[in-house]
Structure formats: structure tokens, C-alpha cells
PDB file of all heavy atoms in Angstrom:
ATOM      1  N   ASP A   1      95.004 -31.573 185.008  1.00  0.00           N
ATOM      2  CA  ASP A   1      93.702 -32.252 184.653  1.00  0.00           C
ATOM      3  C   ASP A   1      93.910 -33.080 183.406  1.00  0.00           C
ATOM      4  O   ASP A   1      94.837 -32.819 182.640  1.00  0.00           O
ATOM      5  CB  ASP A   1      92.604 -31.282 184.475  1.00  0.00           C
ATOM      6  CG  ASP A   1      92.355 -30.479 185.743  1.00  0.00           C
ATOM      7  OD1 ASP A   1      91.865 -30.992 186.627  1.00  0.00           O
ATOM      8  OD2 ASP A   1      92.697 -29.279 185.742  1.00  0.00           O
ATOM      9  N   ILE A   2      92.970 -33.913 183.116  1.00  0.00           N
ATOM     10  CA  ILE A   2      92.769 -34.640 181.835  1.00  0.00           C
ATOM     11  C   ILE A   2      91.465 -34.458 181.313  1.00  0.00           C
ATOM     12  O   ILE A   2      90.440 -34.551 182.072  1.00  0.00           O
ATOM     13  CB  ILE A   2      93.082 -36.184 182.051  1.00  0.00           C
ATOM     14  CG1 ILE A   2      94.537 -36.343 182.510  1.00  0.00           C
ATOM     15  CG2 ILE A   2      92.838 -36.895 180.702  1.00  0.00           C
ATOM     16  CD1 ILE A   2      94.862 -37.873 182.759  1.00  0.00           C
ATOM     17  N   VAL A   3      91.346 -34.104 180.103  1.00  0.00           N
ATOM     18  CA  VAL A   3      90.004 -34.073 179.350  1.00  0.00           C
ATOM     19  C   VAL A   3      89.843 -35.243 178.460  1.00  0.00           C
ATOM     20  O   VAL A   3      90.826 -35.542 177.630  1.00  0.00           O
ATOM     21  CB  VAL A   3      89.862 -32.803 178.525  1.00  0.00           C
ATOM     22  CG1 VAL A   3      88.564 -32.834 177.872  1.00  0.00           C
ATOM     23  CG2 VAL A   3      89.968 -31.508 179.507  1.00  0.00           C
ATOM     24  N   ALA A   4      88.833 -36.076 178.630  1.00  0.00           N
ATOM     25  CA  ALA A   4      88.611 -37.202 177.838  1.00  0.00           C
ATOM     26  C   ALA A   4      87.448 -36.885 176.984  1.00  0.00           C
ATOM     27  O   ALA A   4      86.335 -36.548 177.456  1.00  0.00           O
ATOM     28  CB  ALA A   4      88.328 -38.534 178.660  1.00  0.00           C
ATOM     29  N   VAL A   5      87.491 -37.123 175.675  1.00  0.00           N
ATOM     30  CA  VAL A   5      86.383 -36.815 174.753  1.00  0.00           C
ATOM     31  C   VAL A   5      86.149 -38.209 174.130  1.00  0.00           C
ATOM     32  O   VAL A   5      86.894 -38.748 173.269  1.00  0.00           O
ATOM     33  CB  VAL A   5      86.802 -35.722 173.691  1.00  0.00           C
ATOM     34  CG1 VAL A   5      85.577 -35.487 172.765  1.00  0.00           C
ATOM     35  CG2 VAL A   5      87.341 -34.555 174.324  1.00  0.00           C
ATOM     36  N   THR A   6      84.839 -38.713 174.417  1.00  0.00           N
ATOM     37  CA  THR A   6      84.529 -40.123 174.056  1.00  0.00           C
ATOM     38  C   THR A   6      83.402 -40.082 173.012  1.00  0.00           C
ATOM     39  O   THR A   6      82.479 -39.377 173.246  1.00  0.00           O
ATOM     40  CB  THR A   6      84.084 -40.923 175.217  1.00  0.00           C
ATOM     41  OG1 THR A   6      85.198 -40.808 176.224  1.00  0.00           O
ATOM     42  CG2 THR A   6      83.838 -42.344 174.878  1.00  0.00           C
ATOM     43  N   LYS A   7      83.539 -40.938 172.008  1.00  0.00           N
ATOM     44  CA  LYS A   7      82.429 -41.116 171.002  1.00  0.00           C
ATOM     45  C   LYS A   7      81.101 -41.639 171.664  1.00  0.00           C
ATOM     46  O   LYS A   7      81.225 -42.528 172.453  1.00  0.00           O
ATOM     47  CB  LYS A   7      82.909 -42.007 169.929  1.00  0.00           C
ATOM     48  CG  LYS A   7      81.829 -42.137 168.759  1.00  0.00           C
ATOM     49  CD  LYS A   7      82.466 -42.907 167.681  1.00  0.00           C
ATOM     50  CE  LYS A   7      81.484 -43.236 166.494  1.00  0.00           C
ATOM     51  NZ  LYS A   7      80.470 -42.223 166.231  1.00  0.00           N
ATOM     52  N   GLN A   8      80.031 -41.008 171.347  1.00  0.00           N
ATOM     53  CA  GLN A   8      78.761 -41.444 171.792  1.00  0.00           C
ATOM     54  C   GLN A   8      77.915 -41.821 170.607  1.00  0.00           C
ATOM     55  O   GLN A   8      78.269 -41.590 169.427  1.00  0.00           O
ATOM     56  CB  GLN A   8      78.088 -40.260 172.596  1.00  0.00           C
ATOM     57  CG  GLN A   8      78.796 -39.817 173.693  1.00  0.00           C
ATOM     58  CD  GLN A   8      78.907 -40.916 174.887  1.00  0.00           C
ATOM     59  OE1 GLN A   8      77.836 -41.233 175.470  1.00  0.00           O
ATOM     60  NE2 GLN A   8      80.010 -41.407 175.087  1.00  0.00           N
ATOM     61  N   PRO A   9      76.758 -42.501 170.818  1.00  0.00           N
ATOM     62  CA  PRO A   9      75.946 -42.867 169.604  1.00  0.00           C
ATOM     63  C   PRO A   9      75.664 -41.674 168.718  1.00  0.00           C
ATOM     64  O   PRO A   9      75.620 -41.617 167.576  1.00  0.00           O
ATOM     65  CB  PRO A   9      74.643 -43.386 170.244  1.00  0.00           C
ATOM     66  CG  PRO A   9      75.056 -44.050 171.681  1.00  0.00           C
ATOM     67  CD  PRO A   9      76.210 -43.004 171.985  1.00  0.00           C
ATOM     68  N   ARG A  10      75.499 -40.453 169.475  1.00  0.00           N
ATOM     69  CA  ARG A  10      75.281 -39.167 168.746  1.00  0.00           C
ATOM     70  C   ARG A  10      76.254 -38.218 169.399  1.00  0.00           C
ATOM     71  O   ARG A  10      76.138 -37.733 170.460  1.00  0.00           O
ATOM     72  CB  ARG A  10      73.892 -38.597 168.844  1.00  0.00           C
ATOM     73  CG  ARG A  10      72.890 -39.505 168.184  1.00  0.00           C
ATOM     74  CD  ARG A  10      71.534 -38.888 168.117  1.00  0.00           C
ATOM     75  NE  ARG A  10      70.608 -39.680 167.400  1.00  0.00           N
ATOM     76  CZ  ARG A  10      69.415 -39.473 167.351  1.00  0.00           C
ATOM     77  NH1 ARG A  10      68.776 -38.547 168.028  1.00  0.00           N
ATOM     78  NH2 ARG A  10      68.575 -40.292 166.722  1.00  0.00           N
ATOM     79  N   GLY A  11      77.280 -37.779 168.615  1.00  0.00           N
ATOM     80  CA  GLY A  11      78.203 -36.788 169.224  1.00  0.00           C
ATOM     81  C   GLY A  11      79.294 -37.354 170.097  1.00  0.00           C
ATOM     82  O   GLY A  11      79.770 -38.489 169.975  1.00  0.00           O
ATOM     83  N   SER A  12      79.598 -36.471 171.114  1.00  0.00           N
ATOM     84  CA  SER A  12      80.732 -36.851 172.027  1.00  0.00           C
ATOM     85  C   SER A  12      80.415 -36.491 173.435  1.00  0.00           C
ATOM     86  O   SER A  12      79.776 -35.428 173.662  1.00  0.00           O
ATOM     87  CB  SER A  12      82.035 -36.082 171.581  1.00  0.00           C
ATOM     88  OG  SER A  12      82.432 -36.399 170.306  1.00  0.00           O
ATOM     89  N   LEU A  13      80.984 -37.201 174.374  1.00  0.00           N
ATOM     90  CA  LEU A  13      80.965 -36.864 175.764  1.00  0.00           C
ATOM     91  C   LEU A  13      82.337 -36.330 176.268  1.00  0.00           C
ATOM     92  O   LEU A  13      83.328 -36.902 175.873  1.00  0.00           O
ATOM     93  CB  LEU A  13      80.637 -38.143 176.567  1.00  0.00           C
ATOM     94  CG  LEU A  13      80.785 -38.039 178.133  1.00  0.00           C
ATOM     95  CD1 LEU A  13      79.663 -37.118 178.628  1.00  0.00           C
ATOM     96  CD2 LEU A  13      80.631 -39.367 178.762  1.00  0.00           C
ATOM     97  N   ILE A  14      82.304 -35.214 176.905  1.00  0.00           N
ATOM     98  CA  ILE A  14      83.545 -34.527 177.477  1.00  0.00           C
ATOM     99  C   ILE A  14      83.620 -34.671 178.983  1.00  0.00           C
ATOM    100  O   ILE A  14      82.660 -34.309 179.646  1.00  0.00           O
ATOM    101  CB  ILE A  14      83.524 -33.049 177.025  1.00  0.00           C
ATOM    102  CG1 ILE A  14      83.358 -32.902 175.545  1.00  0.00           C
ATOM    103  CG2 ILE A  14      84.764 -32.384 177.509  1.00  0.00           C
ATOM    104  CD1 ILE A  14      82.604 -31.594 175.161  1.00  0.00           C
ATOM    105  N   GLU A  15      84.563 -35.367 179.383  1.00  0.00           N
ATOM    106  CA  GLU A  15      84.713 -35.507 180.817  1.00  0.00           C
ATOM    107  C   GLU A  15      86.052 -34.987 181.366  1.00  0.00           C
ATOM    108  O   GLU A  15      87.076 -34.963 180.584  1.00  0.00           O
ATOM    109  CB  GLU A  15      84.760 -37.041 181.255  1.00  0.00           C
ATOM    110  CG  GLU A  15      83.634 -37.855 180.857  1.00  0.00           C
ATOM    111  CD  GLU A  15      83.726 -39.331 181.161  1.00  0.00           C
ATOM    112  OE1 GLU A  15      83.527 -39.673 182.284  1.00  0.00           O
ATOM    113  OE2 GLU A  15      84.121 -40.026 180.234  1.00  0.00           O
ATOM    114  N   ILE A  16      86.040 -34.331 182.487  1.00  0.00           N
ATOM    115  CA  ILE A  16      87.267 -33.650 183.024  1.00  0.00           C
ATOM    116  C   ILE A  16      87.498 -34.237 184.402  1.00  0.00           C
ATOM    117  O   ILE A  16      86.667 -34.246 185.254  1.00  0.00           O
ATOM    118  CB  ILE A  16      87.008 -32.151 183.153  1.00  0.00           C
ATOM    119  CG1 ILE A  16      86.569 -31.506 181.855  1.00  0.00           C
ATOM    120  CG2 ILE A  16      88.200 -31.391 183.663  1.00  0.00           C
ATOM    121  CD1 ILE A  16      86.102 -30.109 181.843  1.00  0.00           C
ATOM    122  N   GLN A  17      88.821 -34.717 184.607  1.00  0.00           N
ATOM    123  CA  GLN A  17      89.213 -35.349 185.780  1.00  0.00           C
ATOM    124  C   GLN A  17      90.554 -34.714 186.208  1.00  0.00           C
ATOM    125  O   GLN A  17      91.375 -34.458 185.325  1.00  0.00           O
ATOM    126  CB  GLN A  17      89.270 -36.792 185.750  1.00  0.00           C
ATOM    127  CG  GLN A  17      87.960 -37.430 185.517  1.00  0.00           C
ATOM    128  CD  GLN A  17      87.765 -38.704 186.410  1.00  0.00           C
ATOM    129  OE1 GLN A  17      88.725 -39.300 186.734  1.00  0.00           O
ATOM    130  NE2 GLN A  17      86.518 -38.956 186.807  1.00  0.00           N
ATOM    131  N   ASP A  18      90.744 -34.547 187.636  1.00  0.00           N
ATOM    132  CA  ASP A  18      92.083 -34.196 187.969  1.00  0.00           C
ATOM    133  C   ASP A  18      93.055 -35.207 187.460  1.00  0.00           C
ATOM    134  O   ASP A  18      92.722 -36.526 187.184  1.00  0.00           O
ATOM    135  CB  ASP A  18      92.173 -34.002 189.441  1.00  0.00           C
ATOM    136  CG  ASP A  18      92.092 -35.264 190.218  1.00  0.00           C
ATOM    137  OD1 ASP A  18      93.127 -35.901 190.503  1.00  0.00           O
ATOM    138  OD2 ASP A  18      90.959 -35.725 190.546  1.00  0.00           O
ATOM    139  N   TYR A  19      94.295 -34.766 187.228  1.00  0.00           N
ATOM    140  CA  TYR A  19      95.260 -35.650 186.570  1.00  0.00           C
ATOM    141  C   TYR A  19      95.450 -37.039 187.226  1.00  0.00           C
ATOM    142  O   TYR A  19      95.332 -38.020 186.650  1.00  0.00           O
ATOM    143  CB  TYR A  19      96.698 -34.966 186.543  1.00  0.00           C
ATOM    144  CG  TYR A  19      97.633 -35.782 185.650  1.00  0.00           C
ATOM    145  CD1 TYR A  19      97.768 -35.462 184.352  1.00  0.00           C
ATOM    146  CD2 TYR A  19      98.539 -36.611 186.203  1.00  0.00           C
ATOM    147  CE1 TYR A  19      98.664 -36.172 183.515  1.00  0.00           C
ATOM    148  CE2 TYR A  19      99.442 -37.354 185.350  1.00  0.00           C
ATOM    149  CZ  TYR A  19      99.460 -37.124 184.025  1.00  0.00           C
ATOM    150  OH  TYR A  19     100.314 -37.789 183.263  1.00  0.00           O
ATOM    151  N   ARG A  20      95.543 -37.096 188.603  1.00  0.00           N
ATOM    152  CA  ARG A  20      95.744 -38.260 189.346  1.00  0.00           C
ATOM    153  C   ARG A  20      94.598 -39.329 189.170  1.00  0.00           C
ATOM    154  O   ARG A  20      94.764 -40.392 188.826  1.00  0.00           O
ATOM    155  CB  ARG A  20      96.008 -38.015 190.759  1.00  0.00           C
ATOM    156  CG  ARG A  20      96.436 -39.221 191.601  1.00  0.00           C
ATOM    157  CD  ARG A  20      96.867 -38.817 193.004  1.00  0.00           C
ATOM    158  NE  ARG A  20      98.024 -37.947 193.073  1.00  0.00           N
ATOM    159  CZ  ARG A  20      99.304 -38.279 192.968  1.00  0.00           C
ATOM    160  NH1 ARG A  20      99.562 -39.482 192.912  1.00  0.00           N
ATOM    161  NH2 ARG A  20     100.197 -37.354 193.100  1.00  0.00           N
ATOM    162  N   SER A  21      93.403 -38.792 189.288  1.00  0.00           N
ATOM    163  CA  SER A  21      92.182 -39.653 189.147  1.00  0.00           C
ATOM    164  C   SER A  21      91.986 -40.052 187.740  1.00  0.00           C
ATOM    165  O   SER A  21      91.698 -41.166 187.478  1.00  0.00           O
ATOM    166  CB  SER A  21      90.995 -38.910 189.629  1.00  0.00           C
ATOM    167  OG  SER A  21      91.028 -38.494 191.027  1.00  0.00           O
ATOM    168  N   GLY A  22      92.147 -39.099 186.780  1.00  0.00           N
ATOM    169  CA  GLY A  22      92.055 -39.476 185.391  1.00  0.00           C
ATOM    170  C   GLY A  22      93.107 -40.441 184.927  1.00  0.00           C
ATOM    171  O   GLY A  22      92.723 -41.361 184.190  1.00  0.00           O
ATOM    172  N   TYR A  23      94.344 -40.264 185.333  1.00  0.00           N
ATOM    173  CA  TYR A  23      95.357 -41.249 184.940  1.00  0.00           C
ATOM    174  C   TYR A  23      94.982 -42.625 185.451  1.00  0.00           C
ATOM    175  O   TYR A  23      95.082 -43.559 184.795  1.00  0.00           O
ATOM    176  CB  TYR A  23      96.653 -40.796 185.452  1.00  0.00           C
ATOM    177  CG  TYR A  23      97.830 -41.564 184.706  1.00  0.00           C
ATOM    178  CD1 TYR A  23      98.520 -41.171 183.607  1.00  0.00           C
ATOM    179  CD2 TYR A  23      98.269 -42.806 185.292  1.00  0.00           C
ATOM    180  CE1 TYR A  23      99.531 -41.861 182.991  1.00  0.00           C
ATOM    181  CE2 TYR A  23      99.213 -43.493 184.634  1.00  0.00           C
ATOM    182  CZ  TYR A  23      99.908 -43.103 183.580  1.00  0.00           C
ATOM    183  OH  TYR A  23     100.839 -43.777 182.929  1.00  0.00           O
ATOM    184  N   SER A  24      94.577 -42.632 186.719  1.00  0.00           N
ATOM    185  CA  SER A  24      94.167 -44.000 187.364  1.00  0.00           C
ATOM    186  C   SER A  24      93.034 -44.602 186.555  1.00  0.00           C
ATOM    187  O   SER A  24      93.066 -45.734 186.272  1.00  0.00           O
ATOM    188  CB  SER A  24      93.828 -43.753 188.833  1.00  0.00           C
ATOM    189  OG  SER A  24      93.319 -44.902 189.357  1.00  0.00           O
ATOM    190  N   ARG A  25      92.048 -43.772 186.234  1.00  0.00           N
ATOM    191  CA  ARG A  25      90.920 -44.304 185.494  1.00  0.00           C
ATOM    192  C   ARG A  25      91.147 -44.836 184.072  1.00  0.00           C
ATOM    193  O   ARG A  25      90.654 -45.840 183.586  1.00  0.00           O
ATOM    194  CB  ARG A  25      89.742 -43.235 185.491  1.00  0.00           C
ATOM    195  CG  ARG A  25      88.568 -43.602 184.738  1.00  0.00           C
ATOM    196  CD  ARG A  25      87.491 -42.533 184.855  1.00  0.00           C
ATOM    197  NE  ARG A  25      86.357 -42.905 183.931  1.00  0.00           N
ATOM    198  CZ  ARG A  25      85.480 -42.041 183.628  1.00  0.00           C
ATOM    199  NH1 ARG A  25      85.470 -40.828 183.994  1.00  0.00           N
ATOM    200  NH2 ARG A  25      84.466 -42.431 182.877  1.00  0.00           N
ATOM    201  N   TRP A  26      92.058 -43.978 183.349  1.00  0.00           N
ATOM    202  CA  TRP A  26      92.252 -44.384 181.912  1.00  0.00           C
ATOM    203  C   TRP A  26      93.684 -44.891 181.757  1.00  0.00           C
ATOM    204  O   TRP A  26      94.120 -44.781 180.581  1.00  0.00           O
ATOM    205  CB  TRP A  26      92.032 -43.040 181.157  1.00  0.00           C
ATOM    206  CG  TRP A  26      90.601 -42.533 181.084  1.00  0.00           C
ATOM    207  CD1 TRP A  26      89.483 -43.286 180.913  1.00  0.00           C
ATOM    208  CD2 TRP A  26      90.150 -41.320 181.651  1.00  0.00           C
ATOM    209  NE1 TRP A  26      88.354 -42.579 180.986  1.00  0.00           N
ATOM    210  CE2 TRP A  26      88.793 -41.310 181.416  1.00  0.00           C
ATOM    211  CE3 TRP A  26      90.773 -40.178 182.040  1.00  0.00           C
ATOM    212  CZ2 TRP A  26      87.953 -40.187 181.722  1.00  0.00           C
ATOM    213  CZ3 TRP A  26      90.015 -39.029 182.294  1.00  0.00           C
ATOM    214  CH2 TRP A  26      88.663 -39.052 182.162  1.00  0.00           C
ATOM    215  N   GLN A  27      94.334 -45.357 182.758  1.00  0.00           N
ATOM    216  CA  GLN A  27      95.828 -45.730 182.645  1.00  0.00           C
ATOM    217  C   GLN A  27      95.949 -46.787 181.534  1.00  0.00           C
ATOM    218  O   GLN A  27      97.048 -46.829 181.027  1.00  0.00           O
ATOM    219  CB  GLN A  27      96.346 -46.147 183.977  1.00  0.00           C
ATOM    220  CG  GLN A  27      95.763 -47.371 184.520  1.00  0.00           C
ATOM    221  CD  GLN A  27      96.363 -47.706 185.863  1.00  0.00           C
ATOM    222  OE1 GLN A  27      97.574 -47.584 186.028  1.00  0.00           O
ATOM    223  NE2 GLN A  27      95.527 -48.182 186.861  1.00  0.00           N
ATOM    224  N   HIS A  28      95.021 -47.704 181.339  1.00  0.00           N
ATOM    225  CA  HIS A  28      95.205 -48.765 180.361  1.00  0.00           C
ATOM    226  C   HIS A  28      95.428 -48.065 178.910  1.00  0.00           C
ATOM    227  O   HIS A  28      95.989 -48.786 178.032  1.00  0.00           O
ATOM    228  CB  HIS A  28      94.025 -49.735 180.279  1.00  0.00           C
ATOM    229  CG  HIS A  28      92.734 -49.065 180.167  1.00  0.00           C
ATOM    230  ND1 HIS A  28      92.143 -48.426 181.235  1.00  0.00           N
ATOM    231  CD2 HIS A  28      91.793 -49.094 179.124  1.00  0.00           C
ATOM    232  CE1 HIS A  28      90.883 -48.066 180.807  1.00  0.00           C
ATOM    233  NE2 HIS A  28      90.769 -48.344 179.506  1.00  0.00           N
ATOM    234  N   HIS A  29      94.931 -46.913 178.784  1.00  0.00           N
ATOM    235  CA  HIS A  29      95.193 -46.148 177.438  1.00  0.00           C
ATOM    236  C   HIS A  29      96.361 -45.255 177.567  1.00  0.00           C
ATOM    237  O   HIS A  29      97.015 -44.963 176.536  1.00  0.00           O
ATOM    238  CB  HIS A  29      93.903 -45.387 177.026  1.00  0.00           C
ATOM    239  CG  HIS A  29      92.795 -46.201 176.732  1.00  0.00           C
ATOM    240  ND1 HIS A  29      92.673 -47.033 175.667  1.00  0.00           N
ATOM    241  CD2 HIS A  29      91.521 -46.284 177.393  1.00  0.00           C
ATOM    242  CE1 HIS A  29      91.535 -47.619 175.681  1.00  0.00           C
ATOM    243  NE2 HIS A  29      90.835 -47.206 176.754  1.00  0.00           N
ATOM    244  N   LEU A  30      96.652 -44.755 178.567  1.00  0.00           N
ATOM    245  CA  LEU A  30      97.680 -43.690 178.810  1.00  0.00           C
ATOM    246  C   LEU A  30      99.102 -44.291 179.236  1.00  0.00           C
ATOM    247  O   LEU A  30     100.114 -43.529 179.114  1.00  0.00           O
ATOM    248  CB  LEU A  30      97.355 -42.672 179.872  1.00  0.00           C
ATOM    249  CG  LEU A  30      95.925 -41.954 179.585  1.00  0.00           C
ATOM    250  CD1 LEU A  30      95.628 -41.123 180.842  1.00  0.00           C
ATOM    251  CD2 LEU A  30      96.000 -41.171 178.385  1.00  0.00           C
ATOM    252  N   ARG A  31      99.091 -45.501 179.743  1.00  0.00           N
ATOM    253  CA  ARG A  31     100.468 -46.110 180.088  1.00  0.00           C
ATOM    254  C   ARG A  31     101.426 -46.140 178.904  1.00  0.00           C
ATOM    255  O   ARG A  31     102.592 -46.037 179.222  1.00  0.00           O
ATOM    256  CB  ARG A  31     100.148 -47.467 180.670  1.00  0.00           C
ATOM    257  CG  ARG A  31     101.051 -47.783 181.791  1.00  0.00           C
ATOM    258  CD  ARG A  31     100.766 -49.156 182.412  1.00  0.00           C
ATOM    259  NE  ARG A  31      99.372 -49.258 182.826  1.00  0.00           N
ATOM    260  CZ  ARG A  31      98.540 -50.384 182.746  1.00  0.00           C
ATOM    261  NH1 ARG A  31      99.196 -51.483 182.475  1.00  0.00           N
ATOM    262  NH2 ARG A  31      97.364 -50.357 183.124  1.00  0.00           N
ATOM    263  N   THR A  32     100.938 -46.335 177.767  1.00  0.00           N
ATOM    264  CA  THR A  32     101.949 -46.409 176.602  1.00  0.00           C
ATOM    265  C   THR A  32     102.343 -45.098 176.139  1.00  0.00           C
ATOM    266  O   THR A  32     103.153 -44.905 175.231  1.00  0.00           O
ATOM    267  CB  THR A  32     101.216 -47.161 175.443  1.00  0.00           C
ATOM    268  OG1 THR A  32     100.065 -46.543 175.044  1.00  0.00           O
ATOM    269  CG2 THR A  32     100.974 -48.639 175.794  1.00  0.00           C
ATOM    270  N   SER A  33     101.717 -43.976 176.707  1.00  0.00           N
ATOM    271  CA  SER A  33     102.101 -42.622 176.306  1.00  0.00           C
ATOM    272  C   SER A  33     103.349 -42.184 177.070  1.00  0.00           C
ATOM    273  O   SER A  33     103.821 -42.827 177.934  1.00  0.00           O
ATOM    274  CB  SER A  33     100.951 -41.618 176.591  1.00  0.00           C
ATOM    275  OG  SER A  33     100.737 -41.451 177.896  1.00  0.00           O
ATOM    276  N   SER A  34     103.711 -40.993 176.804  1.00  0.00           N
ATOM    277  CA  SER A  34     104.883 -40.427 177.524  1.00  0.00           C
ATOM    278  C   SER A  34     104.389 -39.673 178.790  1.00  0.00           C
ATOM    279  O   SER A  34     105.158 -38.951 179.519  1.00  0.00           O
ATOM    280  CB  SER A  34     105.673 -39.419 176.677  1.00  0.00           C
ATOM    281  OG  SER A  34     104.770 -38.389 176.263  1.00  0.00           O
ATOM    282  N   TRP A  35     103.102 -39.695 179.104  1.00  0.00           N
ATOM    283  CA  TRP A  35     102.531 -39.083 180.201  1.00  0.00           C
ATOM    284  C   TRP A  35     103.103 -39.653 181.557  1.00  0.00           C
ATOM    285  O   TRP A  35     103.037 -40.885 181.651  1.00  0.00           O
ATOM    286  CB  TRP A  35     101.138 -39.025 180.270  1.00  0.00           C
ATOM    287  CG  TRP A  35     100.392 -38.314 179.092  1.00  0.00           C
ATOM    288  CD1 TRP A  35     100.940 -37.842 177.982  1.00  0.00           C
ATOM    289  CD2 TRP A  35      99.081 -37.991 178.984  1.00  0.00           C
ATOM    290  NE1 TRP A  35     100.108 -37.293 177.117  1.00  0.00           N
ATOM    291  CE2 TRP A  35      98.814 -37.369 177.702  1.00  0.00           C
ATOM    292  CE3 TRP A  35      97.887 -38.190 179.786  1.00  0.00           C
ATOM    293  CZ2 TRP A  35      97.637 -36.922 177.244  1.00  0.00           C
ATOM    294  CZ3 TRP A  35      96.713 -37.814 179.293  1.00  0.00           C
ATOM    295  CH2 TRP A  35      96.626 -37.140 178.108  1.00  0.00           C
ATOM    296  N   PRO A  36     103.473 -38.887 182.492  1.00  0.00           N
ATOM    297  CA  PRO A  36     104.005 -39.510 183.769  1.00  0.00           C
ATOM    298  C   PRO A  36     102.950 -40.113 184.576  1.00  0.00           C
ATOM    299  O   PRO A  36     101.815 -39.562 184.698  1.00  0.00           O
ATOM    300  CB  PRO A  36     104.671 -38.355 184.427  1.00  0.00           C
ATOM    301  CG  PRO A  36     104.022 -37.093 183.918  1.00  0.00           C
ATOM    302  CD  PRO A  36     103.544 -37.447 182.552  1.00  0.00           C
ATOM    303  N   ASP A  37     103.280 -41.253 185.210  1.00  0.00           N
ATOM    304  CA  ASP A  37     102.450 -41.905 186.158  1.00  0.00           C
ATOM    305  C   ASP A  37     102.381 -41.191 187.541  1.00  0.00           C
ATOM    306  O   ASP A  37     103.444 -41.036 188.050  1.00  0.00           O
ATOM    307  CB  ASP A  37     102.835 -43.340 186.336  1.00  0.00           C
ATOM    308  CG  ASP A  37     101.925 -44.185 187.188  1.00  0.00           C
ATOM    309  OD1 ASP A  37     100.996 -43.647 188.017  1.00  0.00           O
ATOM    310  OD2 ASP A  37     101.967 -45.395 187.144  1.00  0.00           O
ATOM    311  N   PRO A  38     101.277 -40.684 187.931  1.00  0.00           N
ATOM    312  CA  PRO A  38     101.371 -39.808 189.202  1.00  0.00           C
ATOM    313  C   PRO A  38     101.707 -40.703 190.433  1.00  0.00           C
ATOM    314  O   PRO A  38     102.007 -40.103 191.380  1.00  0.00           O
ATOM    315  CB  PRO A  38      99.899 -39.333 189.315  1.00  0.00           C
ATOM    316  CG  PRO A  38      99.065 -40.163 188.500  1.00  0.00           C
ATOM    317  CD  PRO A  38      99.911 -40.688 187.428  1.00  0.00           C
ATOM    318  N   VAL A  39     101.602 -42.064 190.330  1.00  0.00           N
ATOM    319  CA  VAL A  39     101.938 -42.899 191.495  1.00  0.00           C
ATOM    320  C   VAL A  39     103.508 -43.019 191.559  1.00  0.00           C
ATOM    321  O   VAL A  39     104.088 -43.155 192.640  1.00  0.00           O
ATOM    322  CB  VAL A  39     101.281 -44.225 191.300  1.00  0.00           C
ATOM    323  CG1 VAL A  39     101.789 -45.234 192.390  1.00  0.00           C
ATOM    324  CG2 VAL A  39      99.906 -44.144 191.329  1.00  0.00           C
ATOM    325  N   ASN A  40     104.188 -42.710 190.441  1.00  0.00           N
ATOM    326  CA  ASN A  40     105.633 -42.766 190.454  1.00  0.00           C
ATOM    327  C   ASN A  40     106.257 -41.703 191.234  1.00  0.00           C
ATOM    328  O   ASN A  40     105.777 -40.590 191.210  1.00  0.00           O
ATOM    329  CB  ASN A  40     106.100 -42.736 188.949  1.00  0.00           C
ATOM    330  CG  ASN A  40     107.538 -42.925 188.734  1.00  0.00           C
ATOM    331  OD1 ASN A  40     108.377 -42.572 189.620  1.00  0.00           O
ATOM    332  ND2 ASN A  40     107.961 -43.433 187.589  1.00  0.00           N
ATOM    333  N   GLN A  41     107.277 -41.919 191.892  1.00  0.00           N
ATOM    334  CA  GLN A  41     107.978 -40.959 192.723  1.00  0.00           C
ATOM    335  C   GLN A  41     108.435 -39.703 191.999  1.00  0.00           C
ATOM    336  O   GLN A  41     108.605 -38.720 192.506  1.00  0.00           O
ATOM    337  CB  GLN A  41     109.155 -41.525 193.585  1.00  0.00           C
ATOM    338  CG  GLN A  41     108.774 -42.591 194.497  1.00  0.00           C
ATOM    339  CD  GLN A  41     107.969 -42.083 195.664  1.00  0.00           C
ATOM    340  OE1 GLN A  41     107.956 -40.802 195.969  1.00  0.00           O
ATOM    341  NE2 GLN A  41     107.182 -42.867 196.339  1.00  0.00           N
TER     342      GLN A  41
END
């Protein structure tokens, strides 16, 4: 899984997604990391 903690006008929003869906959703931020792309073989 991936947990995303995003700044809100007041406090933070915590979202939990399975790794494949989360990586797909947030890949523009995660592609530059060392996290493996789940689409890759």
C-alpha cells in the first residue's frame, strides 16, 4: 500500500491506496523515486 498525507486548508488528509493503484494515481510524484513501477515486469 501507499499512504498519502496531503495538506488541507486545516490539517491533513490521509489516503490509503493499494500499491498499484496508488502508484498509478501519484506516479508523477513517485516516478523520480526509487519505488518500483508496478507495471514494470
